[in-house]
């Protein structure tokens, strides 16, 4: 009899652990996706010299949003600071929505295009 009660109690804890593991996995996957998007955005900012509308549209097509933290167009060699973020509704970590943010900088004119 005590074996059955112990088994039932442990199942409740195991379900909680599995849900927590699922949340951690999902948050990690979202953060890795945002990191890849931010790397592409940094490359495009370096080539274009600013955060263009096409780059913002690219981020939005991936299901994320972007914030420009510099608020000006920097000269060549200047830096642009930006954040790519996405909202995530967790299963068990929190009751409210989480905002997962990746902050990056890009140096304008760092990458050089080669013609021909």
N, C-alpha and C. Protein backbone atom coordinates (compact mmCIF):
# COMPACT_ATOMS: atom_id res chain seq x y z
N UNK A 1 0.82 -1.20 0.00
CA UNK A 1 0.00 0.00 0.00
C UNK A 1 0.86 1.27 0.00
N UNK A 2 1.91 1.27 0.82
CA UNK A 2 2.76 2.46 0.86
C UNK A 2 3.52 2.65 -0.45
N UNK A 3 3.78 1.53 -1.15
CA UNK A 3 4.44 1.62 -2.46
C UNK A 3 3.54 2.39 -3.43
N UNK A 4 2.26 2.12 -3.43
CA UNK A 4 1.33 2.79 -4.35
C UNK A 4 1.21 4.28 -4.04
N UNK A 5 1.17 4.64 -2.77
CA UNK A 5 1.10 6.06 -2.39
C UNK A 5 2.39 6.77 -2.78
N UNK A 6 3.51 6.14 -2.55
CA UNK A 6 4.79 6.73 -2.95
C UNK A 6 4.90 6.91 -4.45
N UNK A 7 4.39 5.95 -5.18
CA UNK A 7 4.40 6.04 -6.64
C UNK A 7 3.52 7.19 -7.12
N UNK A 8 2.36 7.34 -6.56
CA UNK A 8 1.46 8.44 -6.95
C UNK A 8 2.07 9.80 -6.62
N UNK A 9 2.69 9.93 -5.45
CA UNK A 9 3.32 11.21 -5.09
C UNK A 9 4.51 11.52 -5.98
N UNK A 10 5.28 10.51 -6.34
CA UNK A 10 6.45 10.77 -7.18
C UNK A 10 6.03 11.12 -8.61
N UNK A 11 4.90 10.61 -9.08
CA UNK A 11 4.42 10.94 -10.43
C UNK A 11 4.09 12.43 -10.51
N UNK A 12 3.51 12.98 -9.46
CA UNK A 12 3.19 14.41 -9.44
C UNK A 12 4.46 15.25 -9.57
N UNK A 13 5.50 14.85 -8.82
CA UNK A 13 6.76 15.59 -8.90
C UNK A 13 7.44 15.40 -10.26
N UNK A 14 7.35 14.21 -10.81
CA UNK A 14 7.98 13.96 -12.11
C UNK A 14 7.31 14.77 -13.22
N UNK A 15 6.01 14.93 -13.15
CA UNK A 15 5.32 15.75 -14.15
C UNK A 15 5.79 17.20 -14.06
N UNK A 16 5.95 17.70 -12.83
CA UNK A 16 6.46 19.06 -12.64
C UNK A 16 7.87 19.22 -13.19
N UNK A 17 8.72 18.24 -12.95
CA UNK A 17 10.10 18.28 -13.47
C UNK A 17 10.11 18.23 -14.99
N UNK A 18 9.27 17.41 -15.58
CA UNK A 18 9.21 17.33 -17.05
C UNK A 18 8.71 18.64 -17.66
N UNK A 19 7.71 19.27 -17.03
CA UNK A 19 7.23 20.56 -17.52
C UNK A 19 8.31 21.64 -17.40
N UNK A 20 9.04 21.62 -16.29
CA UNK A 20 10.13 22.58 -16.11
C UNK A 20 11.22 22.36 -17.17
N UNK A 21 11.55 21.11 -17.42
CA UNK A 21 12.54 20.81 -18.46
C UNK A 21 12.06 21.25 -19.84
N UNK A 22 10.77 21.08 -20.11
CA UNK A 22 10.22 21.54 -21.38
C UNK A 22 10.30 23.05 -21.53
N UNK A 23 10.02 23.77 -20.43
CA UNK A 23 10.13 25.23 -20.45
C UNK A 23 11.57 25.67 -20.70
N UNK A 24 12.50 25.05 -20.01
CA UNK A 24 13.91 25.41 -20.18
C UNK A 24 14.36 25.13 -21.61
N UNK A 25 13.92 24.01 -22.17
CA UNK A 25 14.26 23.69 -23.56
C UNK A 25 13.69 24.72 -24.52
N UNK A 26 12.43 25.11 -24.32
CA UNK A 26 11.79 26.09 -25.21
C UNK A 26 12.45 27.47 -25.11
N UNK A 27 12.78 27.90 -23.90
CA UNK A 27 13.45 29.19 -23.73
C UNK A 27 14.82 29.17 -24.40
N UNK A 28 15.53 28.07 -24.28
CA UNK A 28 16.83 27.94 -24.94
C UNK A 28 16.70 27.97 -26.46
N UNK A 29 15.69 27.30 -26.98
CA UNK A 29 15.48 27.29 -28.43
C UNK A 29 15.12 28.68 -28.95
N UNK A 30 14.27 29.41 -28.23
CA UNK A 30 13.90 30.77 -28.64
C UNK A 30 15.13 31.69 -28.58
N UNK A 31 15.94 31.56 -27.53
CA UNK A 31 17.12 32.41 -27.40
C UNK A 31 18.14 32.11 -28.51
N UNK A 32 18.33 30.84 -28.84
CA UNK A 32 19.25 30.50 -29.93
C UNK A 32 18.75 31.05 -31.27
N UNK A 33 17.44 31.01 -31.49
CA UNK A 33 16.87 31.57 -32.71
C UNK A 33 17.09 33.09 -32.76
N UNK A 34 16.87 33.76 -31.63
CA UNK A 34 17.09 35.21 -31.57
C UNK A 34 18.57 35.55 -31.78
N UNK A 35 19.45 34.70 -31.28
CA UNK A 35 20.88 34.93 -31.45
C UNK A 35 21.27 34.84 -32.93
N UNK A 36 20.69 33.88 -33.64
CA UNK A 36 20.97 33.75 -35.08
C UNK A 36 20.42 34.95 -35.86
N UNK A 37 19.23 35.40 -35.49
CA UNK A 37 18.65 36.58 -36.13
C UNK A 37 19.52 37.81 -35.87
N UNK A 38 19.98 37.97 -34.63
CA UNK A 38 20.80 39.13 -34.26
C UNK A 38 22.13 39.12 -35.01
N UNK A 39 22.68 37.96 -35.26
CA UNK A 39 23.93 37.87 -36.03
C UNK A 39 23.70 38.34 -37.46
N UNK A 40 22.59 37.95 -38.06
CA UNK A 40 22.26 38.40 -39.41
C UNK A 40 22.01 39.90 -39.44
N UNK A 41 21.31 40.41 -38.43
CA UNK A 41 21.03 41.85 -38.36
C UNK A 41 22.33 42.64 -38.21
N UNK A 42 23.25 42.17 -37.38
CA UNK A 42 24.53 42.86 -37.20
C UNK A 42 25.31 42.92 -38.51
N UNK A 43 25.29 41.84 -39.26
CA UNK A 43 25.97 41.82 -40.55
C UNK A 43 25.34 42.82 -41.51
N UNK A 44 24.00 42.84 -41.56
CA UNK A 44 23.32 43.77 -42.47
C UNK A 44 23.52 45.23 -42.07
N UNK A 45 23.53 45.50 -40.76
CA UNK A 45 23.78 46.87 -40.30
C UNK A 45 25.19 47.30 -40.69
N UNK A 46 26.14 46.39 -40.57
CA UNK A 46 27.51 46.72 -40.93
C UNK A 46 27.63 47.04 -42.42
N UNK A 47 26.90 46.31 -43.25
CA UNK A 47 26.95 46.57 -44.69
C UNK A 47 26.17 47.82 -45.08
N UNK A 48 24.98 48.00 -44.51
CA UNK A 48 24.09 49.09 -44.92
C UNK A 48 24.38 50.40 -44.18
N UNK A 49 25.00 50.32 -43.03
CA UNK A 49 25.33 51.52 -42.28
C UNK A 49 24.24 51.99 -41.34
N UNK A 50 23.12 51.31 -41.32
CA UNK A 50 21.99 51.70 -40.45
C UNK A 50 21.04 50.52 -40.35
N UNK A 51 20.04 50.69 -39.51
CA UNK A 51 18.99 49.69 -39.37
C UNK A 51 17.90 50.02 -40.38
N UNK A 52 17.91 49.35 -41.51
CA UNK A 52 16.99 49.67 -42.59
C UNK A 52 15.63 49.02 -42.38
N UNK A 53 14.65 49.48 -43.16
CA UNK A 53 13.31 48.92 -43.09
C UNK A 53 13.29 47.46 -43.54
N UNK A 54 14.16 47.10 -44.48
CA UNK A 54 14.22 45.72 -44.96
C UNK A 54 14.74 44.80 -43.86
N UNK A 55 15.67 45.28 -43.06
CA UNK A 55 16.19 44.49 -41.95
C UNK A 55 15.14 44.32 -40.86
N UNK A 56 14.40 45.37 -40.57
CA UNK A 56 13.32 45.28 -39.59
C UNK A 56 12.26 44.30 -40.07
N UNK A 57 11.95 44.33 -41.36
CA UNK A 57 10.97 43.40 -41.92
C UNK A 57 11.47 41.96 -41.85
N UNK A 58 12.77 41.76 -42.07
CA UNK A 58 13.36 40.44 -41.96
C UNK A 58 13.18 39.87 -40.55
N UNK A 59 13.41 40.71 -39.55
CA UNK A 59 13.25 40.28 -38.16
C UNK A 59 11.78 39.96 -37.87
N UNK A 60 10.88 40.79 -38.35
CA UNK A 60 9.46 40.56 -38.11
C UNK A 60 8.95 39.33 -38.84
N UNK A 61 9.53 39.01 -39.99
CA UNK A 61 9.15 37.79 -40.70
C UNK A 61 9.54 36.54 -39.91
N UNK A 62 10.56 36.65 -39.08
CA UNK A 62 10.99 35.53 -38.24
C UNK A 62 10.20 35.44 -36.94
N UNK A 63 9.26 36.36 -36.72
CA UNK A 63 8.41 36.30 -35.54
C UNK A 63 8.97 37.03 -34.33
N UNK A 64 9.94 37.90 -34.54
CA UNK A 64 10.55 38.65 -33.44
C UNK A 64 10.39 40.14 -33.72
N UNK A 65 10.84 40.96 -32.79
CA UNK A 65 10.84 42.41 -32.95
C UNK A 65 12.24 42.93 -32.65
N UNK A 66 12.49 44.18 -33.04
CA UNK A 66 13.82 44.75 -32.84
C UNK A 66 13.69 46.16 -32.29
N UNK A 67 14.62 46.53 -31.42
CA UNK A 67 14.71 47.89 -30.87
C UNK A 67 16.09 48.44 -31.19
N UNK A 68 16.12 49.64 -31.73
CA UNK A 68 17.39 50.35 -31.96
C UNK A 68 17.67 51.20 -30.73
N UNK A 69 18.77 50.95 -30.06
CA UNK A 69 19.09 51.67 -28.83
C UNK A 69 20.00 52.87 -29.06
N UNK A 70 20.49 53.08 -30.28
CA UNK A 70 21.37 54.22 -30.53
C UNK A 70 20.60 55.45 -30.98
N UNK A 71 19.50 55.30 -31.69
CA UNK A 71 18.61 56.40 -32.10
C UNK A 71 19.26 57.42 -33.02
N UNK A 72 20.33 57.07 -33.69
CA UNK A 72 20.95 57.97 -34.68
C UNK A 72 21.70 57.12 -35.69
N UNK A 73 22.02 57.71 -36.83
CA UNK A 73 22.80 57.01 -37.84
C UNK A 73 24.28 57.27 -37.58
N UNK A 74 25.03 56.25 -37.21
CA UNK A 74 26.44 56.45 -36.86
C UNK A 74 27.32 56.57 -38.11
N UNK A 75 28.47 57.20 -37.97
CA UNK A 75 29.42 57.28 -39.09
C UNK A 75 30.11 55.92 -39.28
N UNK A 76 30.90 55.81 -40.33
CA UNK A 76 31.66 54.58 -40.56
C UNK A 76 32.63 54.40 -39.41
N UNK A 77 32.62 53.22 -38.84
CA UNK A 77 33.43 52.92 -37.67
C UNK A 77 32.67 53.09 -36.37
N UNK A 78 31.48 53.68 -36.44
CA UNK A 78 30.64 53.84 -35.25
C UNK A 78 29.89 52.55 -34.94
N UNK A 79 29.34 52.50 -33.75
CA UNK A 79 28.62 51.29 -33.35
C UNK A 79 27.12 51.54 -33.25
N UNK A 80 26.36 50.50 -33.56
CA UNK A 80 24.91 50.50 -33.43
C UNK A 80 24.57 49.44 -32.39
N UNK A 81 23.81 49.82 -31.38
CA UNK A 81 23.38 48.88 -30.35
C UNK A 81 21.90 48.59 -30.59
N UNK A 82 21.56 47.32 -30.62
CA UNK A 82 20.17 46.94 -30.87
C UNK A 82 19.80 45.72 -30.04
N UNK A 83 18.50 45.52 -29.89
CA UNK A 83 17.98 44.35 -29.19
C UNK A 83 16.97 43.65 -30.08
N UNK A 84 17.08 42.35 -30.15
CA UNK A 84 16.09 41.52 -30.81
C UNK A 84 15.36 40.78 -29.70
N UNK A 85 14.02 40.86 -29.70
CA UNK A 85 13.27 40.26 -28.60
C UNK A 85 12.02 39.56 -29.10
N UNK A 86 11.54 38.65 -28.25
CA UNK A 86 10.34 37.89 -28.57
C UNK A 86 9.65 37.53 -27.26
N UNK A 87 8.34 37.53 -27.27
CA UNK A 87 7.59 37.16 -26.08
C UNK A 87 7.35 35.66 -26.08
N UNK A 88 7.43 35.06 -24.89
CA UNK A 88 7.25 33.63 -24.72
C UNK A 88 6.29 33.39 -23.56
N UNK A 89 5.30 32.55 -23.78
CA UNK A 89 4.34 32.20 -22.73
C UNK A 89 4.80 30.87 -22.12
N UNK A 90 5.34 30.91 -20.90
CA UNK A 90 5.89 29.69 -20.30
C UNK A 90 4.80 28.74 -19.80
N UNK A 91 5.18 27.49 -19.67
CA UNK A 91 4.26 26.47 -19.17
C UNK A 91 4.19 26.53 -17.65
N UNK A 92 5.36 26.57 -17.01
CA UNK A 92 5.38 26.46 -15.55
C UNK A 92 6.33 27.47 -14.89
N UNK A 93 7.24 28.08 -15.63
CA UNK A 93 8.23 28.98 -15.02
C UNK A 93 7.60 30.21 -14.38
N UNK A 94 6.66 30.85 -15.06
CA UNK A 94 6.02 32.07 -14.59
C UNK A 94 4.55 32.03 -14.94
N UNK A 95 3.79 32.87 -14.27
CA UNK A 95 2.37 32.99 -14.63
C UNK A 95 2.17 33.99 -15.76
N UNK A 96 3.08 34.94 -15.89
CA UNK A 96 2.95 35.97 -16.92
C UNK A 96 3.87 35.67 -18.10
N UNK A 97 3.72 36.46 -19.14
CA UNK A 97 4.53 36.31 -20.34
C UNK A 97 5.96 36.78 -20.10
N UNK A 98 6.91 36.05 -20.64
CA UNK A 98 8.33 36.41 -20.53
C UNK A 98 8.78 37.08 -21.82
N UNK A 99 9.67 38.04 -21.70
CA UNK A 99 10.27 38.65 -22.87
C UNK A 99 11.74 38.21 -22.92
N UNK A 100 12.07 37.47 -23.96
CA UNK A 100 13.44 36.98 -24.14
C UNK A 100 14.15 37.96 -25.05
N UNK A 101 15.27 38.51 -24.59
CA UNK A 101 15.96 39.60 -25.28
C UNK A 101 17.40 39.21 -25.56
N UNK A 102 17.86 39.53 -26.76
CA UNK A 102 19.27 39.38 -27.13
C UNK A 102 19.76 40.77 -27.53
N UNK A 103 20.78 41.28 -26.83
CA UNK A 103 21.34 42.61 -27.14
C UNK A 103 22.68 42.43 -27.84
N UNK A 104 22.84 43.13 -28.95
CA UNK A 104 24.07 43.03 -29.74
C UNK A 104 24.51 44.42 -30.19
N UNK A 105 25.77 44.51 -30.61
CA UNK A 105 26.30 45.72 -31.22
C UNK A 105 26.86 45.36 -32.60
N UNK A 106 26.87 46.33 -33.48
CA UNK A 106 27.42 46.15 -34.81
C UNK A 106 28.28 47.37 -35.14
N UNK A 107 29.41 47.12 -35.76
CA UNK A 107 30.30 48.20 -36.19
C UNK A 107 30.00 48.51 -37.65
N UNK A 108 29.67 49.75 -37.93
CA UNK A 108 29.30 50.16 -39.29
C UNK A 108 30.55 50.15 -40.16
N UNK A 109 30.46 49.48 -41.30
CA UNK A 109 31.56 49.43 -42.24
C UNK A 109 32.61 48.39 -41.91
N UNK A 110 32.31 47.46 -41.01
CA UNK A 110 33.30 46.45 -40.62
C UNK A 110 33.50 45.42 -41.72
N UNK A 111 32.41 44.99 -42.35
CA UNK A 111 32.50 44.02 -43.45
C UNK A 111 32.62 44.77 -44.75
N UNK A 112 33.42 44.24 -45.63
CA UNK A 112 33.66 44.87 -46.91
C UNK A 112 33.14 43.97 -48.01
N UNK A 113 32.39 44.55 -48.94
CA UNK A 113 31.89 43.74 -50.05
C UNK A 113 32.94 43.71 -51.16
N UNK A 114 33.05 42.56 -51.81
CA UNK A 114 34.02 42.42 -52.91
C UNK A 114 33.24 42.29 -54.20
N UNK A 115 33.55 43.15 -55.15
CA UNK A 115 32.87 43.12 -56.45
C UNK A 115 33.71 42.32 -57.42
N UNK A 116 33.02 41.41 -58.12
CA UNK A 116 33.68 40.64 -59.17
C UNK A 116 34.33 39.47 -58.64
